């Protein structure tokens, strides 16, 4: 809900830029998270989803302002969101004292949680068209800085691998070594981060005032997780690769 509200507010704030722009672009594509930080790795090591499960479609729009024949400025916003329910691959849960606990083998209940990642960059870029814009095919490159609105949500069951202890199994009455499990827990973190990006692509003119666009973009950003239930993790990797197709309208 917070992410949707932030995206809506950002879109409203960018609407006045429409009246000053020379090109308006709408694009759709695929986002491939780099997923190199330890929280990503925890999820991929322990849950039954993989890095490819977090590749997802994204949509965006941008306003472009001409500065010279070869240089322009671009103000844009993109949105990425992926929500996935996963099951612990190697552990089952059992009732015990003093905690519900997890075992690596044997009978027990499935342990599951949702891992949701949302990233919305608002970016300011310098765009270079070295051959100018008066051509059928217009190659370009660019890069810049952005404000990244992001959020993480984990809800469900969590095995705490730092709490290995002896538990009294309520079914058998035996003392068994296992890990503490927090059931139906919810953990959320949202913040703003500063990041960077670089891109390249081309526009192809096929109608009066309209071009098609194909683009590759690399985003780099990190989200600090120093507060609450995420404090034991390193900064969260928000970086990723983006391939998109768009349509440009020239004013």
Protein backbone atom coordinates (compact mmCIF):
# COMPACT_ATOMS: atom_id res chain seq x y z
CA UNK A 1 0.00 0.00 0.00
CA UNK A 2 2.82 2.41 0.86
CA UNK A 3 4.55 1.63 -2.43
CA UNK A 4 1.41 2.27 -4.47
CA UNK A 5 0.83 5.56 -2.68
CA UNK A 6 4.42 6.67 -3.28
CA UNK A 7 4.16 5.73 -6.97
CA UNK A 8 0.90 7.66 -7.31
CA UNK A 9 2.36 10.76 -5.64
CA UNK A 10 5.47 10.60 -7.84
CA UNK A 11 3.35 10.34 -10.97
CA UNK A 12 1.27 13.36 -9.94
CA UNK A 13 4.41 15.41 -9.29
CA UNK A 14 5.82 14.54 -12.72
CA UNK A 15 2.67 15.42 -14.69
CA UNK A 16 3.52 19.19 -14.95
CA UNK A 17 6.72 18.18 -16.78
CA UNK A 18 4.53 17.06 -19.69
CA UNK A 19 3.91 20.62 -20.87
CA UNK A 20 7.66 21.35 -21.15
CA UNK A 21 8.83 18.11 -22.76
CA UNK A 22 9.86 17.51 -26.38
CA UNK A 23 9.28 13.74 -26.24
CA UNK A 24 6.96 11.65 -24.10
CA UNK A 25 7.79 7.93 -23.78
CA UNK A 26 5.80 4.99 -22.48
CA UNK A 27 7.68 1.72 -22.15
CA UNK A 28 7.26 -1.85 -20.96
CA UNK A 29 9.94 -4.42 -20.35
CA UNK A 30 11.57 -7.02 -18.14
CA UNK A 31 13.58 -6.39 -14.98
CA UNK A 32 16.30 -8.84 -13.93
CA UNK A 33 17.45 -8.22 -10.32
CA UNK A 34 21.17 -8.68 -9.74
CA UNK A 35 20.32 -10.14 -6.30
CA UNK A 36 23.85 -10.22 -4.86
CA UNK A 37 23.31 -9.29 -1.19
CA UNK A 38 23.02 -11.73 1.72
CA UNK A 39 19.25 -11.40 2.22
CA UNK A 40 18.66 -12.41 -1.40
CA UNK A 41 21.06 -15.31 -0.86
CA UNK A 42 19.26 -16.42 2.32
CA UNK A 43 16.00 -16.66 0.40
CA UNK A 44 17.50 -18.56 -2.56
CA UNK A 45 19.48 -20.94 -0.33
CA UNK A 46 16.61 -21.86 1.98
CA UNK A 47 13.37 -21.39 0.03
CA UNK A 48 12.17 -23.24 -3.05
CA UNK A 49 12.24 -20.26 -5.38
CA UNK A 50 15.18 -19.10 -7.47
CA UNK A 51 16.61 -15.91 -8.89
CA UNK A 52 14.66 -16.37 -12.12
CA UNK A 53 11.40 -16.28 -10.14
CA UNK A 54 12.15 -12.62 -9.42
CA UNK A 55 12.45 -11.60 -13.04
CA UNK A 56 9.30 -9.68 -13.82
CA UNK A 57 7.67 -7.19 -16.16
CA UNK A 58 7.90 -3.50 -15.44
CA UNK A 59 6.37 -0.35 -16.87
CA UNK A 60 7.49 3.25 -17.00
CA UNK A 61 7.22 6.63 -18.64
CA UNK A 62 9.61 9.50 -19.28
CA UNK A 63 9.78 13.10 -20.40
CA UNK A 64 12.67 14.24 -22.60
CA UNK A 65 13.88 17.81 -23.05
CA UNK A 66 16.19 18.85 -25.93
CA UNK A 67 19.28 20.82 -24.92
CA UNK A 68 21.16 20.66 -28.21
CA UNK A 69 21.23 18.57 -31.38
CA UNK A 70 23.04 15.73 -29.58
CA UNK A 71 22.17 16.26 -25.90
CA UNK A 72 18.89 16.00 -24.01
CA UNK A 73 17.72 15.55 -20.43
CA UNK A 74 15.31 12.79 -19.43
CA UNK A 75 13.08 12.60 -16.35
CA UNK A 76 11.52 9.16 -15.89
CA UNK A 77 9.89 6.75 -13.50
CA UNK A 78 9.81 2.93 -13.58
CA UNK A 79 8.10 0.35 -11.39
CA UNK A 80 9.09 -3.20 -10.42
CA UNK A 81 7.29 -5.49 -7.99
CA UNK A 82 7.52 -9.23 -7.35
CA UNK A 83 5.66 -11.22 -4.71
CA UNK A 84 6.50 -14.90 -4.20
CA UNK A 85 5.40 -17.55 -1.69
CA UNK A 86 8.13 -20.04 -0.89
CA UNK A 87 8.56 -23.18 1.20
CA UNK A 88 11.70 -24.04 3.18
CA UNK A 89 13.46 -26.71 1.12
CA UNK A 90 15.20 -28.71 3.83
CA UNK A 91 13.24 -28.11 7.02
CA UNK A 92 9.91 -29.08 8.55
CA UNK A 93 8.23 -27.57 11.58
CA UNK A 94 7.07 -29.31 14.75
CA UNK A 95 5.37 -28.26 17.97
CA UNK A 96 7.82 -27.98 20.81
CA UNK A 97 8.86 -26.25 24.01
CA UNK A 98 9.96 -23.54 24.56
CA UNK A 99 9.42 -22.71 20.85
CA UNK A 100 7.94 -24.15 17.71
CA UNK A 101 11.04 -25.61 16.11
CA UNK A 102 12.48 -26.81 12.76
CA UNK A 103 14.13 -30.12 11.90
CA UNK A 104 16.20 -30.99 8.84
CA UNK A 105 14.45 -34.34 8.39
CA UNK A 106 11.46 -36.32 9.54
CA UNK A 107 7.75 -35.64 9.60
CA UNK A 108 6.39 -32.19 10.21
CA UNK A 109 4.55 -29.20 8.80
CA UNK A 110 5.68 -27.15 5.83
CA UNK A 111 7.31 -23.85 6.72
CA UNK A 112 6.42 -21.07 4.29
CA UNK A 113 6.77 -17.34 3.90
CA UNK A 114 6.21 -14.62 1.32
CA UNK A 115 9.11 -12.52 0.05
CA UNK A 116 7.99 -9.33 -1.69
CA UNK A 117 10.37 -6.85 -3.34
CA UNK A 118 9.26 -3.50 -4.76
CA UNK A 119 11.57 -0.96 -6.46
CA UNK A 120 10.46 2.33 -8.03
CA UNK A 121 13.27 4.57 -9.33
CA UNK A 122 12.66 8.21 -10.27
CA UNK A 123 15.62 9.07 -12.50
CA UNK A 124 17.23 12.12 -14.07
CA UNK A 125 19.45 11.30 -17.05
CA UNK A 126 21.68 12.91 -19.64
CA UNK A 127 21.01 11.35 -23.04
CA UNK A 128 23.45 11.57 -25.99
CA UNK A 129 22.41 11.05 -29.62
CA UNK A 130 25.82 11.27 -31.36
CA UNK A 131 24.32 11.21 -34.87
CA UNK A 132 21.61 13.74 -34.08
CA UNK A 133 17.85 13.18 -34.27
CA UNK A 134 17.15 13.81 -37.95
CA UNK A 135 17.48 10.17 -38.99
CA UNK A 136 15.28 7.12 -39.43
CA UNK A 137 17.36 5.17 -36.89
CA UNK A 138 18.55 7.17 -33.87
CA UNK A 139 21.08 5.41 -31.58
CA UNK A 140 21.64 6.83 -28.12
CA UNK A 141 23.47 6.28 -24.82
CA UNK A 142 23.14 7.94 -21.44
CA UNK A 143 23.16 7.74 -17.68
CA UNK A 144 22.37 9.61 -14.52
CA UNK A 145 21.19 9.53 -10.93
CA UNK A 146 17.92 8.52 -9.32
CA UNK A 147 15.89 8.34 -6.13
CA UNK A 148 14.85 4.73 -5.50
CA UNK A 149 11.63 4.13 -3.56
CA UNK A 150 11.82 0.54 -2.33
CA UNK A 151 10.20 -1.83 0.11
CA UNK A 152 10.71 -5.38 1.39
CA UNK A 153 8.03 -7.51 2.99
CA UNK A 154 8.51 -10.97 4.48
CA UNK A 155 5.50 -12.60 6.08
CA UNK A 156 4.96 -16.13 7.31
CA UNK A 157 7.27 -18.61 9.04
CA UNK A 158 10.95 -17.87 9.74
CA UNK A 159 13.60 -20.31 10.89
CA UNK A 160 16.14 -18.61 13.16
CA UNK A 161 19.40 -20.43 12.44
CA UNK A 162 21.11 -18.51 15.26
CA UNK A 163 18.84 -20.21 17.84
CA UNK A 164 19.83 -23.87 17.71
CA UNK A 165 18.88 -25.53 20.97
CA UNK A 166 17.32 -28.60 22.57
CA UNK A 167 13.53 -28.66 22.36
CA UNK A 168 10.90 -30.86 23.93
CA UNK A 169 8.88 -32.33 21.10
CA UNK A 170 5.20 -32.18 22.16
CA UNK A 171 4.20 -35.19 20.07
CA UNK A 172 6.89 -37.66 21.16
CA UNK A 173 7.97 -36.04 24.43
CA UNK A 174 11.61 -36.45 23.40
CA UNK A 175 14.38 -33.88 23.66
CA UNK A 176 15.44 -32.99 20.11
CA UNK A 177 17.99 -30.52 18.71
CA UNK A 178 16.45 -28.02 16.29
CA UNK A 179 16.09 -24.38 15.35
CA UNK A 180 13.58 -21.88 16.68
CA UNK A 181 10.76 -20.91 14.30
CA UNK A 182 8.69 -17.73 14.40
CA UNK A 183 5.20 -18.56 13.08
CA UNK A 184 3.00 -16.12 11.14
CA UNK A 185 5.49 -13.32 11.58
CA UNK A 186 5.57 -10.18 9.44
CA UNK A 187 8.63 -8.08 8.67
CA UNK A 188 8.62 -4.96 6.51
CA UNK A 189 11.15 -2.32 5.55
CA UNK A 190 10.70 0.64 3.20
CA UNK A 191 12.93 3.60 2.48
CA UNK A 192 14.48 5.91 -0.11
CA UNK A 193 17.95 5.34 -1.57
CA UNK A 194 20.13 7.16 -4.08
CA UNK A 195 21.29 5.14 -7.08
CA UNK A 196 22.82 5.39 -10.52
CA UNK A 197 22.08 4.06 -13.97
CA UNK A 198 23.45 3.77 -17.51
CA UNK A 199 21.59 2.88 -20.67
CA UNK A 200 21.83 2.51 -24.43
CA UNK A 201 19.42 1.87 -27.26
CA UNK A 202 17.88 3.27 -30.39
CA UNK A 203 14.73 4.96 -31.64
CA UNK A 204 13.21 4.09 -35.00
CA UNK A 205 10.92 6.57 -36.79
CA UNK A 206 7.93 4.87 -38.39
CA UNK A 207 5.25 7.60 -38.43
CA UNK A 208 4.91 11.35 -38.14
CA UNK A 209 5.93 12.38 -34.60
CA UNK A 210 6.14 8.74 -33.45
CA UNK A 211 9.18 6.53 -32.95
CA UNK A 212 9.66 3.09 -31.46
CA UNK A 213 12.34 2.55 -28.83
CA UNK A 214 14.42 -0.43 -27.71
CA UNK A 215 16.64 0.02 -24.66
CA UNK A 216 18.96 -1.77 -22.26
CA UNK A 217 19.51 -0.18 -18.83
CA UNK A 218 21.62 -1.07 -15.81
CA UNK A 219 20.55 0.25 -12.38
CA UNK A 220 22.78 0.32 -9.31
CA UNK A 221 21.46 1.04 -5.81
CA UNK A 222 21.53 -0.39 -2.27
CA UNK A 223 18.98 -0.22 0.53
CA UNK A 224 20.21 -0.04 4.11
CA UNK A 225 18.67 -2.61 6.47
CA UNK A 226 20.02 -1.35 9.77
CA UNK A 227 16.65 -1.19 11.56
CA UNK A 228 14.21 -3.71 13.03
CA UNK A 229 14.12 -7.37 12.04
CA UNK A 230 16.49 -6.80 9.07
CA UNK A 231 19.34 -5.30 11.08
CA UNK A 232 21.55 -8.37 10.87
CA UNK A 233 21.72 -8.14 7.08
CA UNK A 234 24.06 -6.19 4.81
CA UNK A 235 22.61 -3.47 2.54
CA UNK A 236 20.00 -4.95 0.23
CA UNK A 237 20.93 -5.13 -3.46
CA UNK A 238 18.42 -3.08 -5.48
CA UNK A 239 20.49 -3.27 -8.67
CA UNK A 240 19.35 -4.92 -11.84
CA UNK A 241 19.21 -5.09 -15.61
CA UNK A 242 16.26 -3.84 -17.61
CA UNK A 243 15.29 -4.54 -21.23
CA UNK A 244 12.38 -2.50 -22.54
CA UNK A 245 10.41 -1.53 -25.63
CA UNK A 246 8.71 1.82 -25.82
CA UNK A 247 6.80 4.23 -27.96
CA UNK A 248 7.84 7.89 -28.21
CA UNK A 249 5.63 10.82 -29.13
CA UNK A 250 7.45 13.93 -30.39
CA UNK A 251 5.84 17.31 -29.74
